Amino acid sequence: MINIDLHITYRCNLNCIHCSVSDLRNEDFIKLHYGAGIFRGKKPKEVIYKEEYILYLLSLLNDGKYKFRVNFSSNAGESTLIKNFVDIWNFISRKETVKSMTLTTNGRNLYKIIKHMDLTKLQNIIFSLDGCEEKINDTIRGPGSFNAVIRSIKAIQKIFDYQKNDNIFIQINYTLNKLNAFSLPFLPIILKYTHIPFTFNIIKIYLLEGNAAKNKKILNISFDEIKNSIKKFYNNLAEINVLRESKGLKPFKFRLEGFTAKEIFSIINNLHHLKCKYFLLGISRNQGTCGVVNKKRIFIDPYGYIFPCLQFTHEKVLNSFYEKYKRTEVPHISKISKIDDVIYSEFFRNARMWVNELYSFNGFPCAKCKFVKVCTICPVGVNIRGEIPNECRM
């Protein structure tokens, strides 16, 4: 199974104050920095949603050697902004080689379009809520975003009740920060009577880039505050789940994203009587499960370039990569016809060797950490971008 992370746009209809990828929508930034000179100083044009490029994509999905899981907008940009998004989704859904599909969205437009989407292969819907009341959420995500997400939840509820499909995984992302930490505990409460067994994904805020870096002073939160907020959240979640199960409803679950294994175990130890059935551990990823290393993931950007993952679109990462390996052509969707042309290209082969080397974590605390084999921390993030939390430096 090949996972295709498909980014049809970097544009967004929100400008969240905690967004770490907002620079990808800054024209000057793109022209000067994106792809470490791939565009030779020219401003690129988004093409992947245009008809001829969709035909290239559909042709790629005809590769009968592989089965595919297609993930829309898994890291940056709002796919549902594209006028022909529903057509693109439905075309891909009809491909026999595509076995499942995921949509990550801010939820702003979802309630308007979901009834027109072919959901037969839908596996996951992931959307964001960053406060349990309108004032908190909209301070972070922008006016009207809270009510739009609530409308999307109601639209999903109708489909969930109609289809009675227990295999659809519906996740709410909550990026924990100084402004909304006190609100997190109320998340299971405001949704307690929905039939949907939501998974609440609590994300550790990333403050090194974009709007998040500009607003670091008001967003930065200590690890003790994080643990305290999650503890209160879990106490409410456990109580609500008892109520839900007494009414024949499936329990809510929660998971943690962006935290190291050491941080996760510290958070778990702070919870009282944690029930495993309420918690998705989300670790045990290692070198063997890295999509770059195991050749099971590709990332297609809005300009049609194909990378091993989103990290390789970052200027600092690509520059470091090219210092170790010679500059080679990045595969482009208009120039390839088979998946093997991508994953066995010189660029991808070099990327695999490089990431394998980075997994040694030479000179970093990770190398001696007893949790390193089960930690989700990215070796590229550690080695090149210095993404090591204070908890792991102690």
Protein backbone atom coordinates (compact mmCIF):
# COMPACT_ATOMS: atom_id res chain seq x y z
CA MET A 1 0.00 0.00 0.00
CA ILE A 2 1.38 3.40 -1.04
CA ASN A 3 0.24 6.47 0.90
CA ILE A 4 -0.07 9.53 -1.32
CA ASP A 5 -0.14 12.82 0.57
CA LEU A 6 -1.83 15.03 -2.00
CA HIS A 7 -1.61 18.79 -1.56
CA ILE A 8 -3.65 20.48 -4.24
CA THR A 9 -3.13 23.96 -2.76
CA TYR A 10 -1.19 25.85 -0.10
CA ARG A 11 -3.94 28.47 0.00
CA CYS A 12 -6.19 28.73 3.03
CA ASN A 13 -9.42 30.51 3.98
CA LEU A 14 -8.15 31.01 7.55
CA ASN A 15 -5.09 32.73 8.96
CA CYS A 16 -4.77 31.05 12.35
CA ILE A 17 -2.45 32.77 14.81
CA HIS A 18 -0.83 29.42 15.68
CA CYS A 19 -0.28 28.26 12.08
CA SER A 20 3.29 27.06 11.51
CA VAL A 21 2.98 26.76 7.71
CA SER A 22 1.62 30.23 6.90
CA ASP A 23 4.90 31.09 5.11
CA LEU A 24 3.93 28.62 2.39
CA ARG A 25 1.29 31.18 1.37
CA ASN A 26 3.68 34.13 1.36
CA GLU A 27 4.65 34.85 -2.25
CA ASP A 28 8.04 36.37 -1.40
CA PHE A 29 8.90 33.43 0.83
CA ILE A 30 7.93 30.95 -1.86
CA LYS A 31 9.92 32.76 -4.54
CA LEU A 32 13.08 33.05 -2.45
CA HIS A 33 13.07 29.94 -0.31
CA TYR A 34 10.76 27.13 -1.33
CA GLY A 35 12.58 24.07 -2.58
CA ALA A 36 16.08 25.50 -2.04
CA GLY A 37 16.26 26.90 -5.56
CA ILE A 38 14.17 24.29 -7.42
CA PHE A 39 12.32 27.17 -9.07
CA ARG A 40 15.49 29.16 -9.76
CA GLY A 41 14.04 32.33 -8.24
CA LYS A 42 10.81 32.21 -10.21
CA LYS A 43 7.48 32.23 -8.41
CA PRO A 44 5.83 28.85 -9.04
CA LYS A 45 2.20 28.43 -10.00
CA GLU A 46 -0.08 25.91 -8.36
CA VAL A 47 -1.05 23.40 -11.02
CA ILE A 48 -1.99 20.12 -9.42
CA TYR A 49 -5.74 20.82 -9.33
CA LYS A 50 -5.87 21.73 -13.03
CA GLU A 51 -7.38 19.29 -15.47
CA GLU A 52 -4.21 18.17 -17.25
CA TYR A 53 -2.43 17.50 -13.95
CA ILE A 54 -5.38 15.59 -12.54
CA LEU A 55 -5.10 13.42 -15.64
CA TYR A 56 -1.41 12.84 -14.80
CA LEU A 57 -2.44 11.89 -11.27
CA LEU A 58 -5.19 9.53 -12.43
CA SER A 59 -2.70 7.94 -14.81
CA LEU A 60 -0.30 7.39 -11.92
CA LEU A 61 -3.11 5.72 -9.97
CA ASN A 62 -3.55 3.26 -12.85
CA ASP A 63 -0.32 1.58 -11.77
CA GLY A 64 -1.69 -1.89 -11.05
CA LYS A 65 1.43 -2.95 -9.17
CA TYR A 66 0.31 -1.00 -6.09
CA LYS A 67 -2.76 -0.19 -4.04
CA PHE A 68 -3.17 3.37 -2.77
CA ARG A 69 -4.39 5.38 0.15
CA VAL A 70 -4.88 9.02 -0.88
CA ASN A 71 -4.65 11.66 1.85
CA PHE A 72 -5.92 15.14 0.97
CA SER A 73 -4.26 18.16 2.58
CA SER A 74 -2.55 16.28 5.35
CA ASN A 75 -0.21 19.08 6.42
CA ALA A 76 -0.84 22.46 4.82
CA GLY A 77 -3.43 24.23 2.72
CA GLU A 78 -7.21 23.81 2.49
CA SER A 79 -8.18 21.45 -0.33
CA THR A 80 -11.89 22.31 -0.19
CA LEU A 81 -11.10 25.83 -1.43
CA ILE A 82 -10.55 24.49 -4.94
CA LYS A 83 -13.70 24.89 -7.04
CA ASN A 84 -13.39 21.44 -8.57
CA PHE A 85 -12.41 19.73 -5.31
CA VAL A 86 -15.50 17.48 -5.22
CA ASP A 87 -14.89 16.36 -8.83
CA ILE A 88 -11.25 15.57 -8.03
CA TRP A 89 -12.24 13.64 -4.91
CA ASN A 90 -14.90 11.66 -6.78
CA PHE A 91 -12.62 10.87 -9.74
CA ILE A 92 -9.99 9.46 -7.39
CA SER A 93 -12.57 7.56 -5.34
CA ARG A 94 -13.67 5.67 -8.46
CA LYS A 95 -10.17 4.32 -9.19
CA GLU A 96 -9.98 0.58 -8.44
CA THR A 97 -6.42 0.86 -7.17
CA VAL A 98 -7.47 3.41 -4.52
CA LYS A 99 -8.55 1.47 -1.43
CA SER A 100 -9.09 4.31 1.05
CA MET A 101 -9.15 8.10 1.29
CA THR A 102 -8.59 10.68 4.01
CA LEU A 103 -9.60 14.33 4.17
CA THR A 104 -7.90 16.76 6.53
CA THR A 105 -9.76 20.05 6.57
CA ASN A 106 -10.30 23.10 8.76
CA GLY A 107 -14.03 22.34 8.53
CA ARG A 108 -14.94 25.77 7.17
CA ASN A 109 -16.47 24.43 3.93
CA LEU A 110 -17.09 20.78 4.77
CA TYR A 111 -20.80 21.10 5.59
CA LYS A 112 -21.38 22.68 2.16
CA ILE A 113 -19.80 19.92 0.08
CA ILE A 114 -19.85 16.64 1.96
CA LYS A 115 -23.25 15.60 0.60
CA HIS A 116 -21.81 15.79 -2.94
CA MET A 117 -18.74 13.65 -2.19
CA ASP A 118 -18.45 9.94 -2.97
CA LEU A 119 -17.73 8.57 0.50
CA THR A 120 -17.52 4.88 -0.34
CA LYS A 121 -13.78 4.80 0.28
CA LEU A 122 -13.65 7.43 2.99
CA GLN A 123 -11.61 6.16 5.92
CA ASN A 124 -10.78 9.30 7.90
CA ILE A 125 -12.09 12.83 8.27
CA ILE A 126 -9.84 15.08 10.32
CA PHE A 127 -10.74 18.66 11.20
CA SER A 128 -9.73 21.25 13.78
CA LEU A 129 -11.32 22.91 16.77
CA ASP A 130 -9.16 25.06 19.04
CA GLY A 131 -11.59 26.12 21.72
CA CYS A 132 -14.81 24.83 23.23
CA GLU A 133 -16.67 28.09 22.78
CA GLU A 134 -16.86 30.55 19.91
CA LYS A 135 -14.81 33.33 21.52
CA ILE A 136 -11.79 31.14 22.30
CA ASN A 137 -11.74 29.23 19.01
CA ASP A 138 -12.33 32.29 16.84
CA THR A 139 -9.62 34.28 18.62
CA ILE A 140 -7.19 31.63 17.40
CA ARG A 141 -8.71 30.54 14.09
CA GLY A 142 -10.69 33.58 12.93
CA PRO A 143 -14.32 34.83 13.04
CA GLY A 144 -16.99 32.31 12.07
CA SER A 145 -14.74 29.27 12.23
CA PHE A 146 -16.34 27.80 15.38
CA ASN A 147 -19.88 27.87 14.00
CA ALA A 148 -18.69 26.48 10.64
CA VAL A 149 -17.07 23.50 12.37
CA ILE A 150 -20.21 22.86 14.45
CA ARG A 151 -22.26 22.85 11.23
CA SER A 152 -19.76 20.42 9.70
CA ILE A 153 -20.04 18.15 12.74
CA LYS A 154 -23.83 18.10 12.28
CA ALA A 155 -23.42 17.30 8.58
CA ILE A 156 -21.05 14.43 9.42
CA GLN A 157 -23.51 13.24 12.07
CA LYS A 158 -26.27 12.90 9.45
CA ILE A 159 -24.02 10.85 7.17
CA PHE A 160 -22.72 8.76 10.07
CA ASP A 161 -26.28 7.94 11.18
CA TYR A 162 -27.41 7.20 7.63
CA GLN A 163 -24.51 5.00 6.58
CA LYS A 164 -24.06 3.30 9.97
CA ASN A 165 -20.42 2.85 8.98
CA ASP A 166 -18.31 2.08 12.04
CA ASN A 167 -15.14 2.03 9.95
CA ILE A 168 -15.02 5.79 9.42
CA PHE A 169 -12.49 7.38 11.76
CA ILE A 170 -13.41 10.95 12.67
CA GLN A 171 -10.78 13.01 14.44
CA ILE A 172 -10.80 16.49 15.95
CA ASN A 173 -7.40 18.16 16.13
CA TYR A 174 -6.85 20.49 19.10
CA THR A 175 -3.56 22.41 19.05
CA LEU A 176 -2.82 23.05 22.70
CA ASN A 177 -1.45 26.48 23.59
CA LYS A 178 -1.52 29.15 26.28
CA LEU A 179 -4.78 30.65 24.98
CA ASN A 180 -6.87 27.48 24.92
CA ALA A 181 -5.38 25.13 27.52
CA PHE A 182 -8.11 25.94 30.05
CA SER A 183 -10.77 25.15 27.43
CA LEU A 184 -9.52 21.67 26.44
CA PRO A 185 -11.18 19.83 29.39
CA PHE A 186 -14.60 20.89 28.11
CA LEU A 187 -14.16 19.30 24.67
CA PRO A 188 -15.75 15.92 25.54
CA ILE A 189 -18.54 17.72 27.38
CA ILE A 190 -19.78 19.87 24.49
CA LEU A 191 -19.96 16.80 22.21
CA LYS A 192 -21.09 14.22 24.75
CA TYR A 193 -24.41 13.33 23.08
CA THR A 194 -23.21 13.03 19.48
CA HIS A 195 -23.44 9.54 18.03
CA ILE A 196 -20.00 9.93 16.52
CA PRO A 197 -17.21 8.26 18.56
CA PHE A 198 -14.74 11.10 18.03
CA THR A 199 -11.02 10.73 18.55
CA PHE A 200 -9.58 13.89 20.06
CA ASN A 201 -6.06 14.51 18.82
CA ILE A 202 -4.19 16.84 21.19
CA ILE A 203 -1.35 18.44 19.25
CA LYS A 204 1.75 19.98 20.76
CA ILE A 205 2.16 23.45 19.30
CA TYR A 206 5.12 24.04 16.99
CA LEU A 207 6.50 27.56 17.54
CA LEU A 208 9.52 27.76 15.24
CA GLU A 209 7.89 28.99 12.02
CA GLY A 210 5.04 30.93 10.48
CA ASN A 211 2.39 32.78 12.47
CA ALA A 212 3.16 30.60 15.47
CA ALA A 213 6.70 31.99 15.66
CA LYS A 214 5.41 35.57 15.39
CA ASN A 215 2.90 34.95 18.19
CA LYS A 216 5.18 32.84 20.38
CA LYS A 217 4.86 35.11 23.42
CA ILE A 218 1.11 34.66 23.72
CA LEU A 219 1.02 31.00 22.61
CA ASN A 220 3.95 29.42 24.45
CA ILE A 221 2.89 26.99 27.15
CA SER A 222 4.95 25.12 29.74
CA PHE A 223 5.02 21.34 29.87
CA ASP A 224 3.52 21.41 33.38
CA GLU A 225 0.58 23.44 32.05
CA ILE A 226 0.19 20.92 29.23
CA LYS A 227 0.08 17.99 31.65
CA ASN A 228 -2.40 19.75 33.91
CA SER A 229 -4.74 20.59 31.03
CA ILE A 230 -4.64 17.04 29.65
CA LYS A 231 -5.25 15.59 33.12
CA LYS A 232 -8.43 17.64 33.54
CA PHE A 233 -9.45 16.76 29.98
CA TYR A 234 -9.02 13.03 30.63
CA ASN A 235 -11.00 13.15 33.88
CA ASN A 236 -13.94 14.65 31.99
CA LEU A 237 -13.52 12.27 29.05
CA ALA A 238 -13.60 9.21 31.34
CA GLU A 239 -16.75 10.51 33.06
CA ILE A 240 -18.49 11.30 29.77
CA ASN A 241 -17.58 7.87 28.37
CA VAL A 242 -19.31 6.13 31.28
CA LEU A 243 -22.43 8.11 30.36
CA ARG A 244 -22.05 7.34 26.64
CA GLU A 245 -21.56 3.63 27.16
CA SER A 246 -24.60 3.48 29.45
CA LYS A 247 -26.63 4.84 26.51
CA GLY A 248 -25.15 2.35 24.04
CA LEU A 249 -22.85 4.90 22.41
CA LYS A 250 -19.23 4.17 21.60
CA PRO A 251 -16.70 5.93 23.83
CA PHE A 252 -14.57 8.88 22.81
CA LYS A 253 -10.84 8.30 22.49
CA PHE A 254 -7.84 10.59 22.54
CA ARG A 255 -4.30 10.60 21.23
CA LEU A 256 -1.25 12.84 21.43
CA GLU A 257 0.61 14.25 18.42
CA GLY A 258 3.90 16.09 18.21
CA PHE A 259 5.07 14.86 21.59
CA THR A 260 8.14 12.68 22.03
CA ALA A 261 7.81 9.24 23.63
CA LYS A 262 9.41 10.58 26.80
CA GLU A 263 6.84 13.38 26.98
CA ILE A 264 3.96 10.99 26.28
CA PHE A 265 4.96 8.64 29.10
CA SER A 266 5.28 11.63 31.44
CA ILE A 267 1.75 12.76 30.50
CA ILE A 268 0.34 9.24 30.92
CA ASN A 269 1.92 8.90 34.35
CA ASN A 270 0.09 12.06 35.38
CA LEU A 271 -3.33 10.59 34.53
CA HIS A 272 -5.44 8.83 37.13
CA HIS A 273 -6.58 5.29 36.24
CA LEU A 274 -6.05 5.65 32.49
CA LYS A 275 -8.17 3.14 30.55
CA CYS A 276 -6.35 1.83 27.51
CA LYS A 277 -9.57 1.62 25.51
CA TYR A 278 -9.84 5.41 25.71
CA PHE A 279 -6.30 6.11 24.56
CA LEU A 280 -4.59 5.59 21.19
CA LEU A 281 -0.92 5.32 22.03
CA GLY A 282 0.31 6.55 18.66
CA ILE A 283 3.95 5.64 19.22
CA SER A 284 5.95 2.57 18.21
CA ARG A 285 6.91 4.33 14.99
CA ASN A 286 10.52 3.79 14.20
CA GLN A 287 12.97 3.61 11.36
CA GLY A 288 11.15 0.67 9.80
CA THR A 289 7.80 2.48 9.72
CA CYS A 290 9.14 5.77 8.33
CA GLY A 291 7.46 6.31 4.95
CA VAL A 292 10.69 7.65 3.44
CA VAL A 293 12.68 4.58 4.50
CA ASN A 294 10.12 1.87 3.72
CA LYS A 295 9.11 3.33 0.33
CA LYS A 296 5.43 3.48 1.27
CA ARG A 297 4.73 7.21 1.13
CA ILE A 298 5.05 10.04 -1.38
CA PHE A 299 4.19 13.72 -1.07
CA ILE A 300 2.82 15.63 -4.09
CA ASP A 301 2.95 19.40 -3.69
CA PRO A 302 0.65 21.95 -5.38
CA TYR A 303 3.28 22.58 -8.06
CA GLY A 304 3.36 18.94 -9.12
CA TYR A 305 6.72 18.04 -7.55
CA ILE A 306 6.95 14.73 -5.72
CA PHE A 307 8.95 14.45 -2.51
CA PRO A 308 9.47 11.64 0.03
CA CYS A 309 7.66 13.77 2.65
CA LEU A 310 6.79 17.35 3.55
CA GLN A 311 10.14 17.85 5.32
CA PHE A 312 11.93 17.79 1.98
CA THR A 313 10.11 20.93 0.81
CA HIS A 314 11.81 22.91 3.58
CA GLU A 315 14.75 25.02 2.42
CA LYS A 316 17.03 24.20 5.34
CA VAL A 317 16.35 20.48 4.98
CA LEU A 318 16.98 20.42 1.24
CA ASN A 319 20.16 22.46 1.56
CA SER A 320 21.48 20.01 4.17
CA PHE A 321 20.46 17.10 1.96
CA TYR A 322 22.28 18.55 -1.05
CA GLU A 323 25.40 19.13 1.03
CA LYS A 324 25.56 15.37 1.58
CA TYR A 325 24.30 14.20 -1.81
CA LYS A 326 24.58 15.83 -5.19
CA ARG A 327 21.67 17.89 -6.46
CA THR A 328 19.40 15.63 -8.50
CA GLU A 329 16.13 16.27 -10.28
CA VAL A 330 13.02 16.17 -8.11
CA PRO A 331 10.40 13.93 -9.78
CA HIS A 332 7.49 15.83 -11.31
CA ILE A 333 4.05 14.38 -11.91
CA SER A 334 4.09 15.46 -15.57
CA LYS A 335 7.24 13.42 -16.24
CA ILE A 336 6.50 10.07 -14.61
CA SER A 337 4.01 7.32 -15.38
CA LYS A 338 4.66 4.71 -12.68
CA ILE A 339 5.19 4.75 -8.93
CA ASP A 340 8.50 2.94 -9.38
CA ASP A 341 9.72 5.90 -11.45
CA VAL A 342 9.34 7.93 -8.26
CA ILE A 343 10.43 5.70 -5.39
CA TYR A 344 13.44 4.34 -7.30
CA SER A 345 14.50 7.72 -8.70
CA GLU A 346 17.94 8.96 -7.71
CA PHE A 347 16.41 11.69 -5.56
CA PHE A 348 14.33 9.20 -3.54
CA ARG A 349 17.19 6.67 -3.27
CA ASN A 350 19.49 9.34 -1.87
CA ALA A 351 16.76 10.53 0.50
CA ARG A 352 16.38 7.02 1.93
CA MET A 353 20.12 6.68 2.52
CA TRP A 354 20.26 10.10 4.16
CA VAL A 355 17.31 9.53 6.49
CA ASN A 356 18.71 6.12 7.49
CA GLU A 357 21.94 7.88 8.46
CA LEU A 358 20.06 10.52 10.45
CA TYR A 359 18.36 7.82 12.53
CA SER A 360 21.64 7.37 14.41
CA PHE A 361 20.96 10.79 16.07
CA ASN A 362 24.70 11.33 16.51
CA GLY A 363 25.42 14.16 18.95
CA PHE A 364 21.79 14.47 20.11
CA PRO A 365 20.10 13.31 23.35
CA CYS A 366 17.91 10.94 21.32
CA ALA A 367 20.89 8.64 20.69
CA LYS A 368 21.00 7.68 24.38
CA CYS A 369 17.27 7.83 25.14
CA LYS A 370 15.70 4.53 26.19
CA PHE A 371 12.53 5.46 24.32
CA VAL A 372 14.19 6.18 20.97
CA LYS A 373 13.01 2.94 19.32
CA VAL A 374 9.36 3.79 19.90
CA CYS A 375 9.52 7.58 19.57
CA THR A 376 7.67 9.44 16.82
CA ILE A 377 10.22 12.23 16.67
CA CYS A 378 11.46 12.78 13.12
CA PRO A 379 15.23 12.37 12.58
CA VAL A 380 15.17 15.15 10.00
CA GLY A 381 13.46 17.46 12.47
CA VAL A 382 16.05 16.65 15.15
CA ASN A 383 19.22 16.67 13.07
CA ILE A 384 18.45 19.57 10.74
CA ARG A 385 15.86 21.73 12.46
CA GLY A 386 16.78 21.13 16.09
CA GLU A 387 13.29 20.06 17.15
CA ILE A 388 14.18 18.62 20.56
CA PRO A 389 11.91 19.63 23.44
CA ASN A 390 13.32 20.68 26.78
CA GLU A 391 11.93 17.55 28.43
CA CYS A 392 14.19 15.45 26.23
CA ARG A 393 17.27 17.57 26.93
CA MET A 394 17.09 16.89 30.65
